[in-house]
Amino acid sequence: MKITKRQLRRIIKEEKSKLLNEQAIDADSIIAQGRAFFDRLIELSMASEDDPAAQTALDQIDAALSDDVAERSYGYIKLKILS
């Protein structure tokens, strides 16, 4: 079966659109997860003054993060400065 140039262009355009939409959904999901993570960190840091369990949770998160997080994440650096 032969396809015309017009059909090929339409197919490529549709596939490109699908890929771009999938990437946008993935990026939105990653951003939402990051926001939720930092919101939880902020909640824990606010509660850590009065709640030893919150401080313990913060310490566990800090220990679990890789050493190069400070180099790659402005938000993490900002939280470390504020705490």
C-alpha atoms as a PDB file:
ATOM      1  CA  MET A   1       0.000   0.000   0.000  1.00  0.00           C
ATOM      2  CA  LYS A   2       1.370   3.346  -0.988  1.00  0.00           C
ATOM      3  CA  ILE A   3       0.754   6.531   0.934  1.00  0.00           C
ATOM      4  CA  THR A   4       0.889  10.020  -0.391  1.00  0.00           C
ATOM      5  CA  LYS A   5       3.144  12.757   0.915  1.00  0.00           C
ATOM      6  CA  ARG A   6       0.073  14.474   2.327  1.00  0.00           C
ATOM      7  CA  GLN A   7      -0.948  11.320   4.233  1.00  0.00           C
ATOM      8  CA  LEU A   8       2.591  10.853   5.523  1.00  0.00           C
ATOM      9  CA  ARG A   9       2.717  14.462   6.739  1.00  0.00           C
ATOM     10  CA  ARG A  10      -0.636  14.030   8.493  1.00  0.00           C
ATOM     11  CA  ILE A  11       0.526  10.807  10.181  1.00  0.00           C
ATOM     12  CA  ILE A  12       3.764  12.424  11.343  1.00  0.00           C
ATOM     13  CA  LYS A  13       1.871  15.459  12.621  1.00  0.00           C
ATOM     14  CA  GLU A  14      -0.566  13.250  14.587  1.00  0.00           C
ATOM     15  CA  GLU A  15       2.217  11.164  16.114  1.00  0.00           C
ATOM     16  CA  LYS A  16       4.212  14.255  17.028  1.00  0.00           C
ATOM     17  CA  SER A  17       1.142  15.733  18.700  1.00  0.00           C
ATOM     18  CA  LYS A  18       0.574  12.528  20.690  1.00  0.00           C
ATOM     19  CA  LEU A  19       4.177  12.496  21.904  1.00  0.00           C
ATOM     20  CA  LEU A  20       4.102  16.155  22.926  1.00  0.00           C
ATOM     21  CA  ASN A  21       0.848  15.644  24.844  1.00  0.00           C
ATOM     22  CA  GLU A  22       2.297  12.635  26.685  1.00  0.00           C
ATOM     23  CA  GLN A  23       5.404  14.608  27.626  1.00  0.00           C
ATOM     24  CA  ALA A  24       3.298  17.499  28.923  1.00  0.00           C
ATOM     25  CA  ILE A  25       1.273  15.125  31.117  1.00  0.00           C
ATOM     26  CA  ASP A  26       4.460  13.528  32.462  1.00  0.00           C
ATOM     27  CA  ALA A  27       5.980  16.933  33.229  1.00  0.00           C
ATOM     28  CA  ASP A  28       2.812  18.083  35.004  1.00  0.00           C
ATOM     29  CA  SER A  29       2.829  14.922  37.098  1.00  0.00           C
ATOM     30  CA  ILE A  30       6.477  15.373  38.054  1.00  0.00           C
ATOM     31  CA  ILE A  31       5.897  19.013  38.971  1.00  0.00           C
ATOM     32  CA  ALA A  32       2.867  18.080  41.098  1.00  0.00           C
ATOM     33  CA  GLN A  33       4.871  15.408  42.920  1.00  0.00           C
ATOM     34  CA  GLY A  34       7.706  17.859  43.569  1.00  0.00           C
ATOM     35  CA  ARG A  35       5.312  20.469  44.921  1.00  0.00           C
ATOM     36  CA  ALA A  36       3.667  17.907  47.198  1.00  0.00           C
ATOM     37  CA  PHE A  37       7.086  16.802  48.450  1.00  0.00           C
ATOM     38  CA  PHE A  38       8.228  20.332  49.259  1.00  0.00           C
ATOM     39  CA  ASP A  39       4.861  21.196  50.816  1.00  0.00           C
ATOM     40  CA  ARG A  40       5.296  18.206  53.131  1.00  0.00           C
ATOM     41  CA  LEU A  41       8.846  19.299  53.950  1.00  0.00           C
ATOM     42  CA  ILE A  42       7.610  22.754  54.858  1.00  0.00           C
ATOM     43  CA  GLU A  43       4.864  21.273  57.058  1.00  0.00           C
ATOM     44  CA  LEU A  44       7.395  19.059  58.807  1.00  0.00           C
ATOM     45  CA  SER A  45       9.853  21.898  59.319  1.00  0.00           C
ATOM     46  CA  MET A  46       7.125  24.075  60.859  1.00  0.00           C
ATOM     47  CA  ALA A  47       6.033  21.245  63.163  1.00  0.00           C
ATOM     48  CA  SER A  48       9.571  20.137  64.040  1.00  0.00           C
ATOM     49  CA  GLU A  49       9.993  22.784  66.728  1.00  0.00           C
ATOM     50  CA  ASP A  50       7.176  21.271  68.807  1.00  0.00           C
ATOM     51  CA  ASP A  51       7.055  17.697  67.548  1.00  0.00           C
ATOM     52  CA  PRO A  52      10.078  15.386  67.856  1.00  0.00           C
ATOM     53  CA  ALA A  53       8.473  12.935  65.393  1.00  0.00           C
ATOM     54  CA  ALA A  54       8.393  15.666  62.739  1.00  0.00           C
ATOM     55  CA  GLN A  55      12.083  16.392  63.351  1.00  0.00           C
ATOM     56  CA  THR A  56      12.851  12.693  63.056  1.00  0.00           C
ATOM     57  CA  ALA A  57      10.969  12.553  59.738  1.00  0.00           C
ATOM     58  CA  LEU A  58      12.956  15.547  58.461  1.00  0.00           C
ATOM     59  CA  ASP A  59      16.211  13.898  59.497  1.00  0.00           C
ATOM     60  CA  GLN A  60      15.217  10.708  57.656  1.00  0.00           C
ATOM     61  CA  ILE A  61      14.367  12.647  54.503  1.00  0.00           C
ATOM     62  CA  ASP A  62      17.650  14.539  54.705  1.00  0.00           C
ATOM     63  CA  ALA A  63      19.596  11.284  55.111  1.00  0.00           C
ATOM     64  CA  ALA A  64      17.757   9.662  52.181  1.00  0.00           C
ATOM     65  CA  LEU A  65      18.504  12.459  49.731  1.00  0.00           C
ATOM     66  CA  SER A  66      21.630  12.031  47.689  1.00  0.00           C
ATOM     67  CA  ASP A  67      24.652  14.216  48.362  1.00  0.00           C
ATOM     68  CA  ASP A  68      24.346  16.051  45.068  1.00  0.00           C
ATOM     69  CA  VAL A  69      20.777  17.259  45.728  1.00  0.00           C
ATOM     70  CA  ALA A  70      22.099  20.569  47.027  1.00  0.00           C
ATOM     71  CA  GLU A  71      23.873  21.127  43.728  1.00  0.00           C
ATOM     72  CA  ARG A  72      20.819  20.245  41.630  1.00  0.00           C
ATOM     73  CA  SER A  73      17.942  21.746  43.612  1.00  0.00           C
ATOM     74  CA  TYR A  74      17.516  25.420  44.445  1.00  0.00           C
ATOM     75  CA  GLY A  75      14.426  24.616  46.559  1.00  0.00           C
ATOM     76  CA  TYR A  76      16.371  22.224  48.748  1.00  0.00           C
ATOM     77  CA  ILE A  77      19.144  24.750  49.254  1.00  0.00           C
ATOM     78  CA  LYS A  78      16.587  27.393  50.160  1.00  0.00           C
ATOM     79  CA  LEU A  79      14.978  25.072  52.728  1.00  0.00           C
ATOM     80  CA  LYS A  80      18.370  24.257  54.230  1.00  0.00           C
ATOM     81  CA  ILE A  81      19.145  27.967  54.600  1.00  0.00           C
ATOM     82  CA  LEU A  82      15.769  28.655  56.230  1.00  0.00           C
ATOM     83  CA  SER A  83      16.102  25.827  58.729  1.00  0.00           C
END
